[in-house]
Amino acid sequence: HPDLPVISGAVADTVEDAVVASRVLHLTYTDRAGAISERDVEPMGLL
């Protein structure tokens, strides 16, 4: 585990709540190529 990037507090809090409560999240995500997508996901855990 190298130094990890800083994570937005709002995003981290929302993800944490969804993981614990098993609630669907709507994500706006930017992949490595810079493409932006939106999707609904069922959070399973944090890696």
All heavy atoms as atom14 arrays in JSON, in Angstrom:
{
  "sequence": "HPDLPVISGAVADTVEDAVVASRVLHLTYTDRAGAISERDVEPMGLL",
  "atom14_mask": [
    [1, 1, 1, 1, 1, 1, 1, 1, 1, 1, 0, 0, 0, 0],
    [1, 1, 1, 1, 1, 1, 1, 0, 0, 0, 0, 0, 0, 0],
    [1, 1, 1, 1, 1, 1, 1, 1, 0, 0, 0, 0, 0, 0],
    [1, 1, 1, 1, 1, 1, 1, 1, 0, 0, 0, 0, 0, 0],
    [1, 1, 1, 1, 1, 1, 1, 0, 0, 0, 0, 0, 0, 0],
    [1, 1, 1, 1, 1, 1, 1, 0, 0, 0, 0, 0, 0, 0],
    [1, 1, 1, 1, 1, 1, 1, 1, 0, 0, 0, 0, 0, 0],
    [1, 1, 1, 1, 1, 1, 0, 0, 0, 0, 0, 0, 0, 0],
    [1, 1, 1, 1, 0, 0, 0, 0, 0, 0, 0, 0, 0, 0],
    [1, 1, 1, 1, 1, 0, 0, 0, 0, 0, 0, 0, 0, 0],
    [1, 1, 1, 1, 1, 1, 1, 0, 0, 0, 0, 0, 0, 0],
    [1, 1, 1, 1, 1, 0, 0, 0, 0, 0, 0, 0, 0, 0],
    [1, 1, 1, 1, 1, 1, 1, 1, 0, 0, 0, 0, 0, 0],
    [1, 1, 1, 1, 1, 1, 1, 0, 0, 0, 0, 0, 0, 0],
    [1, 1, 1, 1, 1, 1, 1, 0, 0, 0, 0, 0, 0, 0],
    [1, 1, 1, 1, 1, 1, 1, 1, 1, 0, 0, 0, 0, 0],
    [1, 1, 1, 1, 1, 1, 1, 1, 0, 0, 0, 0, 0, 0],
    [1, 1, 1, 1, 1, 0, 0, 0, 0, 0, 0, 0, 0, 0],
    [1, 1, 1, 1, 1, 1, 1, 0, 0, 0, 0, 0, 0, 0],
    [1, 1, 1, 1, 1, 1, 1, 0, 0, 0, 0, 0, 0, 0],
    [1, 1, 1, 1, 1, 0, 0, 0, 0, 0, 0, 0, 0, 0],
    [1, 1, 1, 1, 1, 1, 0, 0, 0, 0, 0, 0, 0, 0],
    [1, 1, 1, 1, 1, 1, 1, 1, 1, 1, 1, 0, 0, 0],
    [1, 1, 1, 1, 1, 1, 1, 0, 0, 0, 0, 0, 0, 0],
    [1, 1, 1, 1, 1, 1, 1, 1, 0, 0, 0, 0, 0, 0],
    [1, 1, 1, 1, 1, 1, 1, 1, 1, 1, 0, 0, 0, 0],
    [1, 1, 1, 1, 1, 1, 1, 1, 0, 0, 0, 0, 0, 0],
    [1, 1, 1, 1, 1, 1, 1, 0, 0, 0, 0, 0, 0, 0],
    [1, 1, 1, 1, 1, 1, 1, 1, 1, 1, 1, 1, 0, 0],
    [1, 1, 1, 1, 1, 1, 1, 0, 0, 0, 0, 0, 0, 0],
    [1, 1, 1, 1, 1, 1, 1, 1, 0, 0, 0, 0, 0, 0],
    [1, 1, 1, 1, 1, 1, 1, 1, 1, 1, 1, 0, 0, 0],
    [1, 1, 1, 1, 1, 0, 0, 0, 0, 0, 0, 0, 0, 0],
    [1, 1, 1, 1, 0, 0, 0, 0, 0, 0, 0, 0, 0, 0],
    [1, 1, 1, 1, 1, 0, 0, 0, 0, 0, 0, 0, 0, 0],
    [1, 1, 1, 1, 1, 1, 1, 1, 0, 0, 0, 0, 0, 0],
    [1, 1, 1, 1, 1, 1, 0, 0, 0, 0, 0, 0, 0, 0],
    [1, 1, 1, 1, 1, 1, 1, 1, 1, 0, 0, 0, 0, 0],
    [1, 1, 1, 1, 1, 1, 1, 1, 1, 1, 1, 0, 0, 0],
    [1, 1, 1, 1, 1, 1, 1, 1, 0, 0, 0, 0, 0, 0],
    [1, 1, 1, 1, 1, 1, 1, 0, 0, 0, 0, 0, 0, 0],
    [1, 1, 1, 1, 1, 1, 1, 1, 1, 0, 0, 0, 0, 0],
    [1, 1, 1, 1, 1, 1, 1, 0, 0, 0, 0, 0, 0, 0],
    [1, 1, 1, 1, 1, 1, 1, 1, 0, 0, 0, 0, 0, 0],
    [1, 1, 1, 1, 0, 0, 0, 0, 0, 0, 0, 0, 0, 0],
    [1, 1, 1, 1, 1, 1, 1, 1, 0, 0, 0, 0, 0, 0],
    [1, 1, 1, 1, 1, 1, 1, 1, 0, 0, 0, 0, 0, 0]
  ],
  "atom14_positions": [
    [[0.82, -1.21, 0.0], [0.0, 0.0, 0.0], [0.86, 1.26, 0.0], [1.43, 1.63, 1.02], [-0.94, 0.0, 1.21], [-1.78, -1.22, 1.26], [-1.41, -2.35, 1.93], [-2.95, -1.51, 0.65], [-2.33, -3.28, 1.76], [-3.25, -2.8, 0.99], [0.0, 0.0, 0.0], [0.0, 0.0, 0.0], [0.0, 0.0, 0.0], [0.0, 0.0, 0.0]],
    [[0.94, 1.94, -1.13], [1.66, 3.21, -1.19], [0.81, 4.31, -0.57], [-0.28, 4.07, -0.06], [1.82, 3.42, -2.7], [0.58, 2.8, -3.26], [0.31, 1.59, -2.39], [0.0, 0.0, 0.0], [0.0, 0.0, 0.0], [0.0, 0.0, 0.0], [0.0, 0.0, 0.0], [0.0, 0.0, 0.0], [0.0, 0.0, 0.0], [0.0, 0.0, 0.0]],
    [[1.31, 5.56, -0.64], [0.49, 6.67, -0.19], [-0.78, 6.73, -1.02], [-0.75, 6.64, -2.24], [1.26, 8.0, -0.34], [2.44, 8.07, 0.61], [2.41, 7.36, 1.63], [3.39, 8.82, 0.33], [0.0, 0.0, 0.0], [0.0, 0.0, 0.0], [0.0, 0.0, 0.0], [0.0, 0.0, 0.0], [0.0, 0.0, 0.0], [0.0, 0.0, 0.0]],
    [[-1.91, 6.89, -0.36], [-3.19, 6.86, -1.05], [-3.68, 8.27, -1.34], [-3.41, 9.19, -0.58], [-4.23, 6.12, -0.21], [-3.84, 4.7, 0.2], [-4.96, 4.07, 0.99], [-3.53, 3.87, -1.03], [0.0, 0.0, 0.0], [0.0, 0.0, 0.0], [0.0, 0.0, 0.0], [0.0, 0.0, 0.0], [0.0, 0.0, 0.0], [0.0, 0.0, 0.0]],
    [[-4.39, 8.48, -2.45], [-4.9, 9.81, -2.79], [-5.95, 10.27, -1.79], [-6.64, 9.46, -1.17], [-5.52, 9.61, -4.18], [-5.86, 8.15, -4.23], [-4.78, 7.46, -3.44], [0.0, 0.0, 0.0], [0.0, 0.0, 0.0], [0.0, 0.0, 0.0], [0.0, 0.0, 0.0], [0.0, 0.0, 0.0], [0.0, 0.0, 0.0], [0.0, 0.0, 0.0]],
    [[-6.03, 11.58, -1.62], [-7.04, 12.14, -0.74], [-8.42, 11.96, -1.37], [-8.6, 12.15, -2.58], [-6.77, 13.64, -0.51], [-7.89, 14.26, 0.32], [-5.43, 13.83, 0.18], [0.0, 0.0, 0.0], [0.0, 0.0, 0.0], [0.0, 0.0, 0.0], [0.0, 0.0, 0.0], [0.0, 0.0, 0.0], [0.0, 0.0, 0.0], [0.0, 0.0, 0.0]],
    [[-9.41, 11.58, -0.56], [-10.76, 11.31, -1.05], [-11.69, 12.4, -0.56], [-11.61, 12.83, 0.59], [-11.25, 9.95, -0.55], [-10.29, 8.84, -1.02], [-12.66, 9.65, -1.03], [-10.49, 7.54, -0.29], [0.0, 0.0, 0.0], [0.0, 0.0, 0.0], [0.0, 0.0, 0.0], [0.0, 0.0, 0.0], [0.0, 0.0, 0.0], [0.0, 0.0, 0.0]],
    [[-12.56, 12.87, -1.44], [-13.56, 13.87, -1.06], [-14.38, 13.38, 0.11], [-14.88, 12.26, 0.12], [-14.48, 14.15, -2.25], [-15.66, 14.79, -1.82], [0.0, 0.0, 0.0], [0.0, 0.0, 0.0], [0.0, 0.0, 0.0], [0.0, 0.0, 0.0], [0.0, 0.0, 0.0], [0.0, 0.0, 0.0], [0.0, 0.0, 0.0], [0.0, 0.0, 0.0]],
    [[-14.52, 14.22, 1.13], [-15.26, 13.83, 2.32], [-16.7, 13.49, 2.01], [-17.25, 12.53, 2.54], [0.0, 0.0, 0.0], [0.0, 0.0, 0.0], [0.0, 0.0, 0.0], [0.0, 0.0, 0.0], [0.0, 0.0, 0.0], [0.0, 0.0, 0.0], [0.0, 0.0, 0.0], [0.0, 0.0, 0.0], [0.0, 0.0, 0.0], [0.0, 0.0, 0.0]],
    [[-17.34, 14.3, 1.16], [-18.75, 14.07, 0.85], [-18.94, 12.72, 0.15], [-19.87, 11.97, 0.47], [-19.28, 15.2, -0.02], [0.0, 0.0, 0.0], [0.0, 0.0, 0.0], [0.0, 0.0, 0.0], [0.0, 0.0, 0.0], [0.0, 0.0, 0.0], [0.0, 0.0, 0.0], [0.0, 0.0, 0.0], [0.0, 0.0, 0.0], [0.0, 0.0, 0.0]],
    [[-18.09, 12.42, -0.82], [-18.19, 11.15, -1.54], [-17.93, 9.98, -0.59], [-18.67, 9.0, -0.57], [-17.2, 11.11, -2.72], [-17.08, 9.68, -3.27], [-17.66, 12.05, -3.82], [0.0, 0.0, 0.0], [0.0, 0.0, 0.0], [0.0, 0.0, 0.0], [0.0, 0.0, 0.0], [0.0, 0.0, 0.0], [0.0, 0.0, 0.0], [0.0, 0.0, 0.0]],
    [[-16.87, 10.1, 0.22], [-16.52, 9.01, 1.14], [-17.65, 8.75, 2.12], [-17.99, 7.6, 2.41], [-15.23, 9.34, 1.88], [0.0, 0.0, 0.0], [0.0, 0.0, 0.0], [0.0, 0.0, 0.0], [0.0, 0.0, 0.0], [0.0, 0.0, 0.0], [0.0, 0.0, 0.0], [0.0, 0.0, 0.0], [0.0, 0.0, 0.0], [0.0, 0.0, 0.0]],
    [[-18.25, 9.8, 2.67], [-19.34, 9.64, 3.63], [-20.55, 8.96, 2.98], [-21.18, 8.08, 3.57], [-19.77, 11.0, 4.19], [-18.76, 11.55, 5.18], [-17.87, 10.79, 5.6], [-18.86, 12.75, 5.52], [0.0, 0.0, 0.0], [0.0, 0.0, 0.0], [0.0, 0.0, 0.0], [0.0, 0.0, 0.0], [0.0, 0.0, 0.0], [0.0, 0.0, 0.0]],
    [[-20.87, 9.37, 1.75], [-22.02, 8.8, 1.05], [-21.79, 7.32, 0.74], [-22.69, 6.49, 0.91], [-22.3, 9.57, -0.24], [-22.55, 10.95, 0.07], [-23.5, 9.0, -0.98], [0.0, 0.0, 0.0], [0.0, 0.0, 0.0], [0.0, 0.0, 0.0], [0.0, 0.0, 0.0], [0.0, 0.0, 0.0], [0.0, 0.0, 0.0], [0.0, 0.0, 0.0]],
    [[-20.59, 7.01, 0.28], [-20.25, 5.62, -0.02], [-20.3, 4.78, 1.25], [-20.85, 3.67, 1.26], [-18.85, 5.54, -0.68], [-18.37, 4.09, -0.74], [-18.89, 6.13, -2.09], [0.0, 0.0, 0.0], [0.0, 0.0, 0.0], [0.0, 0.0, 0.0], [0.0, 0.0, 0.0], [0.0, 0.0, 0.0], [0.0, 0.0, 0.0], [0.0, 0.0, 0.0]],
    [[-19.73, 5.3, 2.33], [-19.73, 4.58, 3.61], [-21.16, 4.26, 4.05], [-21.46, 3.12, 4.44], [-19.05, 5.44, 4.67], [-19.21, 4.94, 6.09], [-18.93, 6.04, 7.09], [-17.82, 6.61, 7.07], [-19.84, 6.35, 7.88], [0.0, 0.0, 0.0], [0.0, 0.0, 0.0], [0.0, 0.0, 0.0], [0.0, 0.0, 0.0], [0.0, 0.0, 0.0]],
    [[-22.03, 5.25, 3.98], [-23.42, 5.04, 4.39], [-24.09, 3.95, 3.55], [-24.82, 3.1, 4.08], [-24.22, 6.34, 4.26], [-23.82, 7.37, 5.31], [-23.22, 6.99, 6.32], [-24.11, 8.57, 5.09], [0.0, 0.0, 0.0], [0.0, 0.0, 0.0], [0.0, 0.0, 0.0], [0.0, 0.0, 0.0], [0.0, 0.0, 0.0], [0.0, 0.0, 0.0]],
    [[-23.84, 3.97, 2.25], [-24.47, 3.01, 1.36], [-23.95, 1.6, 1.59], [-24.71, 0.63, 1.51], [-24.23, 3.42, -0.1], [0.0, 0.0, 0.0], [0.0, 0.0, 0.0], [0.0, 0.0, 0.0], [0.0, 0.0, 0.0], [0.0, 0.0, 0.0], [0.0, 0.0, 0.0], [0.0, 0.0, 0.0], [0.0, 0.0, 0.0], [0.0, 0.0, 0.0]],
    [[-22.65, 1.47, 1.91], [-22.07, 0.15, 2.18], [-22.71, -0.45, 3.43], [-23.1, -1.62, 3.45], [-20.54, 0.27, 2.35], [-19.97, -1.03, 2.91], [-19.87, 0.59, 1.02], [0.0, 0.0, 0.0], [0.0, 0.0, 0.0], [0.0, 0.0, 0.0], [0.0, 0.0, 0.0], [0.0, 0.0, 0.0], [0.0, 0.0, 0.0], [0.0, 0.0, 0.0]],
    [[-22.83, 0.36, 4.48], [-23.37, -0.14, 5.75], [-24.86, -0.45, 5.63], [-25.35, -1.47, 6.14], [-23.14, 0.88, 6.88], [-23.86, 0.46, 8.14], [-21.65, 1.02, 7.16], [0.0, 0.0, 0.0], [0.0, 0.0, 0.0], [0.0, 0.0, 0.0], [0.0, 0.0, 0.0], [0.0, 0.0, 0.0], [0.0, 0.0, 0.0], [0.0, 0.0, 0.0]],
    [[-25.6, 0.43, 4.95], [-27.06, 0.3, 4.9], [-27.56, -0.57, 3.75], [-28.76, -0.83, 3.66], [-27.69, 1.69, 4.8], [0.0, 0.0, 0.0], [0.0, 0.0, 0.0], [0.0, 0.0, 0.0], [0.0, 0.0, 0.0], [0.0, 0.0, 0.0], [0.0, 0.0, 0.0], [0.0, 0.0, 0.0], [0.0, 0.0, 0.0], [0.0, 0.0, 0.0]],
    [[-26.67, -1.02, 2.85], [-27.07, -1.78, 1.66], [-28.12, -1.02, 0.86], [-29.25, -1.48, 0.66], [-27.59, -3.18, 2.05], [-26.57, -3.95, 2.65], [0.0, 0.0, 0.0], [0.0, 0.0, 0.0], [0.0, 0.0, 0.0], [0.0, 0.0, 0.0], [0.0, 0.0, 0.0], [0.0, 0.0, 0.0], [0.0, 0.0, 0.0], [0.0, 0.0, 0.0]],
    [[-27.71, 0.17, 0.41], [-28.58, 1.02, -0.39], [-27.89, 1.31, -1.73], [-26.68, 1.49, -1.79], [-28.87, 2.35, 0.31], [-29.7, 2.2, 1.59], [-31.13, 1.77, 1.27], [-31.99, 1.79, 2.44], [-32.18, 0.78, 3.25], [-31.51, -0.35, 3.04], [-33.01, 0.87, 4.27], [0.0, 0.0, 0.0], [0.0, 0.0, 0.0], [0.0, 0.0, 0.0]],
    [[-28.68, 1.36, -2.79], [-28.15, 1.6, -4.14], [-27.61, 3.03, -4.24], [-28.18, 3.98, -3.7], [-29.25, 1.39, -5.2], [-28.75, 1.77, -6.59], [-29.72, -0.06, -5.17], [0.0, 0.0, 0.0], [0.0, 0.0, 0.0], [0.0, 0.0, 0.0], [0.0, 0.0, 0.0], [0.0, 0.0, 0.0], [0.0, 0.0, 0.0], [0.0, 0.0, 0.0]],
    [[-26.48, 3.14, -4.94], [-25.87, 4.45, -5.2], [-25.92, 4.77, -6.68], [-25.78, 3.88, -7.53], [-24.39, 4.45, -4.78], [-24.02, 4.72, -3.33], [-22.5, 4.63, -3.18], [-24.53, 6.07, -2.87], [0.0, 0.0, 0.0], [0.0, 0.0, 0.0], [0.0, 0.0, 0.0], [0.0, 0.0, 0.0], [0.0, 0.0, 0.0], [0.0, 0.0, 0.0]],
    [[-26.11, 6.05, -7.0], [-25.98, 6.53, -8.38], [-24.64, 7.23, -8.48], [-24.41, 8.24, -7.81], [-27.11, 7.48, -8.74], [-27.05, 7.95, -10.16], [-27.45, 7.16, -11.22], [-26.61, 9.12, -10.7], [-27.27, 7.82, -12.35], [-26.76, 9.01, -12.06], [0.0, 0.0, 0.0], [0.0, 0.0, 0.0], [0.0, 0.0, 0.0], [0.0, 0.0, 0.0]],
    [[-23.74, 6.68, -9.3], [-22.38, 7.21, -9.41], [-22.19, 7.99, -10.71], [-22.71, 7.62, -11.76], [-21.35, 6.08, -9.39], [-21.27, 5.17, -8.17], [-20.11, 4.19, -8.34], [-21.13, 5.97, -6.88], [0.0, 0.0, 0.0], [0.0, 0.0, 0.0], [0.0, 0.0, 0.0], [0.0, 0.0, 0.0], [0.0, 0.0, 0.0], [0.0, 0.0, 0.0]],
    [[-21.41, 9.05, -10.6], [-20.83, 9.72, -11.75], [-19.35, 9.4, -11.68], [-18.66, 9.81, -10.73], [-21.05, 11.23, -11.72], [-22.46, 11.5, -11.67], [-20.46, 11.89, -12.95], [0.0, 0.0, 0.0], [0.0, 0.0, 0.0], [0.0, 0.0, 0.0], [0.0, 0.0, 0.0], [0.0, 0.0, 0.0], [0.0, 0.0, 0.0], [0.0, 0.0, 0.0]],
    [[-18.84, 8.66, -12.69], [-17.51, 8.09, -12.59], [-16.66, 8.44, -13.81], [-17.14, 8.4, -14.95], [-17.61, 6.57, -12.45], [-16.3, 5.87, -12.15], [-15.72, 5.97, -10.89], [-15.65, 5.13, -13.12], [-14.52, 5.34, -10.6], [-14.45, 4.48, -12.84], [-13.89, 4.6, -11.58], [-12.7, 3.98, -11.3], [0.0, 0.0, 0.0], [0.0, 0.0, 0.0]],
    [[-15.4, 8.75, -13.55], [-14.44, 9.03, -14.62], [-13.41, 7.92, -14.67], [-12.7, 7.69, -13.69], [-13.71, 10.36, -14.38], [-14.68, 11.41, -14.23], [-12.8, 10.7, -15.55], [0.0, 0.0, 0.0], [0.0, 0.0, 0.0], [0.0, 0.0, 0.0], [0.0, 0.0, 0.0], [0.0, 0.0, 0.0], [0.0, 0.0, 0.0], [0.0, 0.0, 0.0]],
    [[-13.32, 7.2, -15.81], [-12.37, 6.09, -15.87], [-10.98, 6.59, -16.22], [-10.75, 7.81, -16.37], [-12.85, 5.02, -16.86], [-12.87, 5.53, -18.31], [-12.23, 6.55, -18.62], [-13.55, 4.87, -19.14], [0.0, 0.0, 0.0], [0.0, 0.0, 0.0], [0.0, 0.0, 0.0], [0.0, 0.0, 0.0], [0.0, 0.0, 0.0], [0.0, 0.0, 0.0]],
    [[-10.04, 5.68, -16.35], [-8.63, 6.06, -16.59], [-8.43, 6.79, -17.9], [-7.51, 7.58, -18.06], [-7.75, 4.82, -16.54], [-7.66, 4.18, -15.17], [-6.73, 2.98, -15.17], [-6.67, 2.34, -13.86], [-5.94, 1.27, -13.59], [-5.22, 0.71, -14.57], [-5.94, 0.75, -12.38], [0.0, 0.0, 0.0], [0.0, 0.0, 0.0], [0.0, 0.0, 0.0]],
    [[-9.3, 6.52, -18.87], [-9.2, 7.19, -20.17], [-9.87, 8.56, -20.17], [-9.83, 9.27, -21.17], [-9.82, 6.31, -21.25], [0.0, 0.0, 0.0], [0.0, 0.0, 0.0], [0.0, 0.0, 0.0], [0.0, 0.0, 0.0], [0.0, 0.0, 0.0], [0.0, 0.0, 0.0], [0.0, 0.0, 0.0], [0.0, 0.0, 0.0], [0.0, 0.0, 0.0]],
    [[-10.49, 8.93, -19.06], [-11.16, 10.22, -18.98], [-12.62, 10.2, -19.36], [-13.28, 11.24, -19.35], [0.0, 0.0, 0.0], [0.0, 0.0, 0.0], [0.0, 0.0, 0.0], [0.0, 0.0, 0.0], [0.0, 0.0, 0.0], [0.0, 0.0, 0.0], [0.0, 0.0, 0.0], [0.0, 0.0, 0.0], [0.0, 0.0, 0.0], [0.0, 0.0, 0.0]],
    [[-13.14, 9.02, -19.72], [-14.55, 8.92, -20.1], [-15.44, 8.99, -18.85], [-15.16, 8.35, -17.84], [-14.8, 7.61, -20.84], [0.0, 0.0, 0.0], [0.0, 0.0, 0.0], [0.0, 0.0, 0.0], [0.0, 0.0, 0.0], [0.0, 0.0, 0.0], [0.0, 0.0, 0.0], [0.0, 0.0, 0.0], [0.0, 0.0, 0.0], [0.0, 0.0, 0.0]],
    [[-16.51, 9.77, -18.94], [-17.42, 9.95, -17.82], [-18.68, 9.12, -18.06], [-19.24, 9.12, -19.15], [-17.8, 11.43, -17.65], [-16.54, 12.26, -17.37], [-18.81, 11.61, -16.53], [-16.79, 13.75, -17.32], [0.0, 0.0, 0.0], [0.0, 0.0, 0.0], [0.0, 0.0, 0.0], [0.0, 0.0, 0.0], [0.0, 0.0, 0.0], [0.0, 0.0, 0.0]],
    [[-19.1, 8.41, -17.04], [-20.32, 7.61, -17.15], [-21.14, 7.75, -15.87], [-20.62, 8.15, -14.82], [-19.98, 6.13, -17.38], [-19.25, 5.6, -16.28], [0.0, 0.0, 0.0], [0.0, 0.0, 0.0], [0.0, 0.0, 0.0], [0.0, 0.0, 0.0], [0.0, 0.0, 0.0], [0.0, 0.0, 0.0], [0.0, 0.0, 0.0], [0.0, 0.0, 0.0]],
    [[-22.42, 7.42, -16.01], [-23.3, 7.4, -14.84], [-23.94, 6.02, -14.76], [-24.3, 5.43, -15.78], [-24.37, 8.49, -14.95], [-23.79, 9.89, -14.91], [-24.85, 10.95, -14.7], [-25.98, 10.59, -14.31], [-24.55, 12.14, -14.91], [0.0, 0.0, 0.0], [0.0, 0.0, 0.0], [0.0, 0.0, 0.0], [0.0, 0.0, 0.0], [0.0, 0.0, 0.0]],
    [[-24.07, 5.52, -13.54], [-24.6, 4.17, -13.37], [-25.1, 3.98, -11.94], [-24.66, 4.68, -11.02], [-23.52, 3.14, -13.68], [-22.33, 3.2, -12.74], [-21.18, 2.34, -13.22], [-20.45, 2.98, -14.32], [-19.62, 2.32, -15.12], [-19.44, 1.02, -14.97], [-18.97, 2.94, -16.07], [0.0, 0.0, 0.0], [0.0, 0.0, 0.0], [0.0, 0.0, 0.0]],
    [[-26.01, 3.04, -11.79], [-26.47, 2.64, -10.46], [-25.7, 1.4, -10.03], [-25.53, 0.47, -10.84], [-27.97, 2.33, -10.46], [-28.82, 3.6, -10.57], [-28.27, 4.7, -10.33], [-30.01, 3.49, -10.9], [0.0, 0.0, 0.0], [0.0, 0.0, 0.0], [0.0, 0.0, 0.0], [0.0, 0.0, 0.0], [0.0, 0.0, 0.0], [0.0, 0.0, 0.0]],
    [[-25.24, 1.39, -8.78], [-24.46, 0.26, -8.28], [-24.98, -0.18, -6.92], [-25.57, 0.61, -6.18], [-22.96, 0.6, -8.19], [-22.42, 1.04, -9.54], [-22.71, 1.67, -7.12], [0.0, 0.0, 0.0], [0.0, 0.0, 0.0], [0.0, 0.0, 0.0], [0.0, 0.0, 0.0], [0.0, 0.0, 0.0], [0.0, 0.0, 0.0], [0.0, 0.0, 0.0]],
    [[-24.73, -1.45, -6.61], [-25.05, -2.01, -5.29], [-23.72, -2.18, -4.55], [-22.95, -3.09, -4.83], [-25.76, -3.35, -5.44], [-27.06, -3.27, -6.22], [-27.67, -4.64, -6.49], [-27.17, -5.63, -5.91], [-28.64, -4.72, -7.28], [0.0, 0.0, 0.0], [0.0, 0.0, 0.0], [0.0, 0.0, 0.0], [0.0, 0.0, 0.0], [0.0, 0.0, 0.0]],
    [[-23.42, -1.28, -3.61], [-22.12, -1.33, -2.91], [-21.94, -2.62, -2.12], [-22.82, -3.04, -1.38], [-22.18, -0.12, -1.96], [-23.19, 0.79, -2.57], [-24.22, -0.12, -3.18], [0.0, 0.0, 0.0], [0.0, 0.0, 0.0], [0.0, 0.0, 0.0], [0.0, 0.0, 0.0], [0.0, 0.0, 0.0], [0.0, 0.0, 0.0], [0.0, 0.0, 0.0]],
    [[-20.78, -3.25, -2.3], [-20.48, -4.5, -1.62], [-19.44, -4.31, -0.52], [-19.49, -4.98, 0.51], [-20.0, -5.54, -2.63], [-21.02, -5.83, -3.72], [-20.33, -6.74, -5.12], [-20.0, -8.31, -4.38], [0.0, 0.0, 0.0], [0.0, 0.0, 0.0], [0.0, 0.0, 0.0], [0.0, 0.0, 0.0], [0.0, 0.0, 0.0], [0.0, 0.0, 0.0]],
    [[-18.47, -3.43, -0.74], [-17.43, -3.22, 0.26], [-16.37, -2.28, -0.26], [-16.44, -1.78, -1.39], [0.0, 0.0, 0.0], [0.0, 0.0, 0.0], [0.0, 0.0, 0.0], [0.0, 0.0, 0.0], [0.0, 0.0, 0.0], [0.0, 0.0, 0.0], [0.0, 0.0, 0.0], [0.0, 0.0, 0.0], [0.0, 0.0, 0.0], [0.0, 0.0, 0.0]],
    [[-15.38, -2.03, 0.58], [-14.27, -1.15, 0.24], [-12.98, -1.96, 0.18], [-12.72, -2.79, 1.05], [-14.13, -0.04, 1.29], [-15.3, 0.92, 1.38], [-15.17, 1.81, 2.62], [-15.4, 1.77, 0.13], [0.0, 0.0, 0.0], [0.0, 0.0, 0.0], [0.0, 0.0, 0.0], [0.0, 0.0, 0.0], [0.0, 0.0, 0.0], [0.0, 0.0, 0.0]],
    [[-12.2, -1.7, -0.84], [-10.95, -2.42, -1.06], [-9.78, -1.45, -0.95], [-9.75, -0.41, -1.6], [-10.96, -3.07, -2.45], [-9.68, -3.77, -2.87], [-9.46, -5.02, -2.02], [-9.74, -4.15, -4.34], [0.0, 0.0, 0.0], [0.0, 0.0, 0.0], [0.0, 0.0, 0.0], [0.0, 0.0, 0.0], [0.0, 0.0, 0.0], [0.0, 0.0, 0.0]]
  ]
}
